N, C-alpha and C. Protein backbone atom coordinates (compact mmCIF):
# COMPACT_ATOMS: atom_id res chain seq x y z
N MET A 1 4.66 -14.73 -0.55
CA MET A 1 4.48 -13.29 -0.57
C MET A 1 5.84 -12.62 -0.34
N CYS A 2 6.17 -11.63 -1.17
CA CYS A 2 7.44 -10.94 -1.02
C CYS A 2 7.30 -9.81 0.01
N PRO A 3 8.41 -9.31 0.56
CA PRO A 3 8.35 -8.25 1.57
C PRO A 3 7.63 -7.00 1.09
N GLU A 4 7.74 -6.72 -0.22
CA GLU A 4 7.07 -5.54 -0.75
C GLU A 4 5.56 -5.66 -0.64
N ASP A 5 5.02 -6.88 -0.75
CA ASP A 5 3.58 -7.07 -0.66
C ASP A 5 3.08 -6.93 0.77
N ALA A 6 3.93 -7.23 1.74
CA ALA A 6 3.51 -7.25 3.14
C ALA A 6 3.14 -5.88 3.68
N ALA A 7 3.83 -4.86 3.25
CA ALA A 7 3.63 -3.53 3.84
C ALA A 7 3.21 -2.50 2.80
N ARG A 8 2.27 -2.85 1.97
CA ARG A 8 1.84 -1.92 0.94
C ARG A 8 1.03 -0.77 1.53
N GLU A 9 1.42 0.40 1.17
CA GLU A 9 0.64 1.58 1.50
C GLU A 9 0.45 2.36 0.21
N THR A 10 -0.51 3.24 0.20
CA THR A 10 -0.77 4.05 -0.99
C THR A 10 -0.66 5.52 -0.62
N LEU A 11 0.17 6.23 -1.37
CA LEU A 11 0.31 7.67 -1.22
C LEU A 11 -0.35 8.35 -2.41
N HIS A 12 -1.03 9.45 -2.16
CA HIS A 12 -1.70 10.19 -3.23
C HIS A 12 -1.03 11.55 -3.39
N LEU A 13 -0.72 11.88 -4.64
CA LEU A 13 -0.16 13.19 -4.97
C LEU A 13 -1.15 13.92 -5.86
N ASP A 14 -1.61 15.07 -5.42
CA ASP A 14 -2.50 15.90 -6.24
C ASP A 14 -1.64 17.02 -6.82
N LEU A 15 -1.25 16.85 -8.07
CA LEU A 15 -0.37 17.81 -8.74
C LEU A 15 -1.10 18.57 -9.84
N ARG A 16 -2.41 18.58 -9.75
CA ARG A 16 -3.20 19.30 -10.76
C ARG A 16 -2.86 20.78 -10.72
N GLY A 17 -2.71 21.36 -11.91
CA GLY A 17 -2.41 22.77 -12.04
C GLY A 17 -0.92 23.07 -12.14
N LEU A 18 -0.07 22.12 -11.79
CA LEU A 18 1.38 22.35 -11.90
C LEU A 18 1.83 22.07 -13.33
N LYS A 19 2.78 22.86 -13.78
CA LYS A 19 3.31 22.73 -15.15
C LYS A 19 4.68 22.07 -15.14
N CYS A 20 5.02 21.51 -16.27
CA CYS A 20 6.31 20.86 -16.49
C CYS A 20 7.44 21.81 -16.08
N PRO A 21 8.39 21.32 -15.35
CA PRO A 21 8.72 19.96 -14.97
C PRO A 21 8.24 19.57 -13.56
N LEU A 22 7.42 20.39 -12.92
CA LEU A 22 7.07 20.15 -11.52
C LEU A 22 6.39 18.81 -11.24
N PRO A 23 5.42 18.35 -12.06
CA PRO A 23 4.80 17.05 -11.73
C PRO A 23 5.81 15.90 -11.65
N VAL A 24 6.73 15.83 -12.59
CA VAL A 24 7.70 14.73 -12.57
C VAL A 24 8.71 14.91 -11.44
N LEU A 25 9.06 16.13 -11.10
CA LEU A 25 9.99 16.36 -10.00
C LEU A 25 9.37 15.97 -8.66
N HIS A 26 8.11 16.33 -8.44
CA HIS A 26 7.42 15.94 -7.21
C HIS A 26 7.25 14.42 -7.14
N THR A 27 6.96 13.81 -8.27
CA THR A 27 6.79 12.35 -8.32
C THR A 27 8.11 11.66 -8.01
N ARG A 28 9.19 12.15 -8.58
CA ARG A 28 10.53 11.58 -8.33
C ARG A 28 10.87 11.65 -6.84
N ARG A 29 10.62 12.80 -6.24
CA ARG A 29 10.93 12.98 -4.82
C ARG A 29 10.07 12.05 -3.95
N ALA A 30 8.79 11.92 -4.28
CA ALA A 30 7.90 11.05 -3.50
C ALA A 30 8.34 9.59 -3.62
N LEU A 31 8.75 9.15 -4.81
CA LEU A 31 9.23 7.78 -4.99
C LEU A 31 10.51 7.55 -4.19
N ALA A 32 11.39 8.52 -4.17
CA ALA A 32 12.66 8.39 -3.46
C ALA A 32 12.44 8.27 -1.95
N ARG A 33 11.44 8.96 -1.43
CA ARG A 33 11.17 8.97 0.01
C ARG A 33 10.31 7.79 0.46
N ALA A 34 9.58 7.18 -0.45
CA ALA A 34 8.64 6.11 -0.10
C ALA A 34 9.38 4.81 0.19
N ASN A 35 8.76 3.99 0.98
CA ASN A 35 9.28 2.65 1.26
C ASN A 35 9.02 1.73 0.08
N PRO A 36 9.90 0.76 -0.15
CA PRO A 36 9.63 -0.23 -1.21
C PRO A 36 8.27 -0.89 -0.98
N GLY A 37 7.53 -1.08 -2.07
CA GLY A 37 6.21 -1.67 -1.99
C GLY A 37 5.10 -0.65 -1.92
N THR A 38 5.44 0.61 -1.74
CA THR A 38 4.44 1.67 -1.66
C THR A 38 3.88 1.95 -3.05
N ARG A 39 2.58 2.13 -3.11
CA ARG A 39 1.94 2.56 -4.36
C ARG A 39 1.79 4.07 -4.30
N LEU A 40 1.99 4.71 -5.42
CA LEU A 40 1.86 6.15 -5.53
C LEU A 40 0.81 6.43 -6.61
N VAL A 41 -0.23 7.16 -6.24
CA VAL A 41 -1.26 7.56 -7.20
C VAL A 41 -1.08 9.06 -7.43
N VAL A 42 -0.77 9.40 -8.67
CA VAL A 42 -0.46 10.78 -9.04
C VAL A 42 -1.56 11.30 -9.96
N ARG A 43 -2.12 12.44 -9.60
CA ARG A 43 -3.12 13.10 -10.44
C ARG A 43 -2.55 14.44 -10.88
N CYS A 44 -2.60 14.70 -12.20
CA CYS A 44 -2.08 15.96 -12.71
C CYS A 44 -2.81 16.35 -13.99
N THR A 45 -2.58 17.59 -14.40
CA THR A 45 -3.24 18.11 -15.60
C THR A 45 -2.25 18.52 -16.69
N ASP A 46 -0.97 18.48 -16.40
CA ASP A 46 0.04 18.86 -17.39
C ASP A 46 0.16 17.78 -18.45
N PRO A 47 -0.11 18.10 -19.72
CA PRO A 47 -0.05 17.08 -20.78
C PRO A 47 1.33 16.43 -20.93
N MET A 48 2.40 17.12 -20.59
CA MET A 48 3.75 16.56 -20.70
C MET A 48 3.96 15.41 -19.71
N ALA A 49 3.17 15.37 -18.65
CA ALA A 49 3.30 14.29 -17.66
C ALA A 49 3.00 12.93 -18.30
N ALA A 50 2.22 12.91 -19.37
CA ALA A 50 1.91 11.66 -20.07
C ALA A 50 3.17 11.02 -20.64
N ILE A 51 4.18 11.83 -20.89
CA ILE A 51 5.48 11.35 -21.38
C ILE A 51 6.47 11.22 -20.22
N ASP A 52 6.51 12.26 -19.38
CA ASP A 52 7.54 12.36 -18.34
C ASP A 52 7.42 11.30 -17.25
N ILE A 53 6.22 11.04 -16.75
CA ILE A 53 6.07 10.12 -15.63
C ILE A 53 6.32 8.67 -16.04
N PRO A 54 5.79 8.19 -17.17
CA PRO A 54 6.17 6.84 -17.60
C PRO A 54 7.68 6.71 -17.84
N HIS A 55 8.30 7.75 -18.39
CA HIS A 55 9.74 7.74 -18.61
C HIS A 55 10.49 7.67 -17.27
N LEU A 56 10.03 8.42 -16.28
CA LEU A 56 10.62 8.39 -14.95
C LEU A 56 10.56 6.98 -14.37
N ALA A 57 9.42 6.33 -14.47
CA ALA A 57 9.27 4.97 -13.94
C ALA A 57 10.26 4.02 -14.62
N HIS A 58 10.35 4.10 -15.92
CA HIS A 58 11.27 3.23 -16.67
C HIS A 58 12.73 3.52 -16.29
N GLU A 59 13.05 4.80 -16.22
CA GLU A 59 14.42 5.24 -15.95
C GLU A 59 14.89 4.84 -14.54
N THR A 60 13.99 4.85 -13.57
CA THR A 60 14.37 4.61 -12.18
C THR A 60 14.13 3.17 -11.73
N GLY A 61 13.46 2.36 -12.54
CA GLY A 61 13.25 0.97 -12.19
C GLY A 61 11.97 0.69 -11.42
N HIS A 62 11.11 1.70 -11.29
CA HIS A 62 9.83 1.51 -10.62
C HIS A 62 8.80 1.05 -11.66
N VAL A 63 7.62 0.66 -11.21
CA VAL A 63 6.63 0.08 -12.11
C VAL A 63 5.46 1.03 -12.32
N LEU A 64 5.17 1.33 -13.57
CA LEU A 64 3.96 2.07 -13.91
C LEU A 64 2.86 1.04 -14.09
N GLU A 65 1.99 0.93 -13.10
CA GLU A 65 0.94 -0.09 -13.12
C GLU A 65 -0.26 0.33 -13.96
N GLN A 66 -0.55 1.61 -13.97
CA GLN A 66 -1.73 2.08 -14.69
C GLN A 66 -1.57 3.55 -15.05
N GLN A 67 -2.14 3.91 -16.19
CA GLN A 67 -2.14 5.29 -16.65
C GLN A 67 -3.47 5.53 -17.31
N SER A 68 -4.13 6.64 -16.95
CA SER A 68 -5.42 6.95 -17.59
C SER A 68 -5.57 8.46 -17.72
N ILE A 69 -6.47 8.85 -18.60
CA ILE A 69 -6.80 10.26 -18.77
C ILE A 69 -8.31 10.37 -18.88
N GLU A 70 -8.85 11.30 -18.12
CA GLU A 70 -10.28 11.55 -18.16
C GLU A 70 -10.52 13.03 -17.95
N ASN A 71 -11.22 13.65 -18.89
CA ASN A 71 -11.52 15.08 -18.83
C ASN A 71 -10.28 15.94 -18.62
N GLY A 72 -9.19 15.59 -19.28
CA GLY A 72 -7.95 16.36 -19.19
C GLY A 72 -7.14 16.11 -17.94
N GLU A 73 -7.58 15.19 -17.10
CA GLU A 73 -6.84 14.86 -15.88
C GLU A 73 -6.14 13.51 -16.05
N LEU A 74 -4.85 13.53 -15.88
CA LEU A 74 -4.04 12.30 -15.98
C LEU A 74 -3.91 11.68 -14.60
N THR A 75 -4.03 10.36 -14.56
CA THR A 75 -3.83 9.62 -13.31
C THR A 75 -2.84 8.49 -13.59
N PHE A 76 -1.85 8.39 -12.72
CA PHE A 76 -0.82 7.36 -12.83
C PHE A 76 -0.80 6.58 -11.52
N ARG A 77 -0.66 5.28 -11.63
CA ARG A 77 -0.44 4.45 -10.43
C ARG A 77 0.91 3.78 -10.59
N LEU A 78 1.81 4.09 -9.68
CA LEU A 78 3.18 3.58 -9.72
C LEU A 78 3.43 2.71 -8.49
N LEU A 79 4.27 1.72 -8.67
CA LEU A 79 4.71 0.87 -7.57
C LEU A 79 6.18 1.14 -7.32
N ARG A 80 6.50 1.51 -6.09
CA ARG A 80 7.88 1.81 -5.71
C ARG A 80 8.59 0.48 -5.47
N ARG A 81 9.55 0.19 -6.33
CA ARG A 81 10.30 -1.07 -6.24
C ARG A 81 11.46 -0.93 -5.25
N SER A 82 11.95 -2.04 -4.79
CA SER A 82 13.15 -2.08 -3.98
C SER A 82 14.34 -2.00 -4.94
N LEU A 83 15.26 -1.08 -4.68
CA LEU A 83 16.41 -0.86 -5.55
C LEU A 83 17.71 -1.10 -4.81
N GLN A 84 18.78 -1.35 -5.54
CA GLN A 84 20.08 -1.53 -4.92
C GLN A 84 20.49 -0.30 -4.13
N SER A 85 20.12 0.89 -4.57
CA SER A 85 20.48 2.11 -3.88
C SER A 85 19.80 2.21 -2.50
N ASP A 86 18.75 1.42 -2.26
CA ASP A 86 18.07 1.41 -0.96
C ASP A 86 18.94 0.75 0.10
N GLU A 87 19.86 -0.07 -0.31
CA GLU A 87 20.67 -0.85 0.62
C GLU A 87 21.84 -0.08 1.20
N ARG A 88 22.02 1.14 0.77
CA ARG A 88 23.15 1.96 1.24
C ARG A 88 22.85 2.62 2.57
């Protein structure tokens, strides 16, 4: 078991009703503040988040574990990875 698995916690962000670019900005900030191994569940209604949040995960090195849409509500599950910038 890796250290990230040992201390998994889940944070929930309810960003429904916020418009671009706010959902991705709030998600970026939450990922930056979270400990490695933390899961982040983000719920939003902005259609641009379907592009922005997966791009954010790829760009920052975190993992997009799941993405779904139901009744116009997008849900993303991200895993906060340990990064070299954490070691500073």
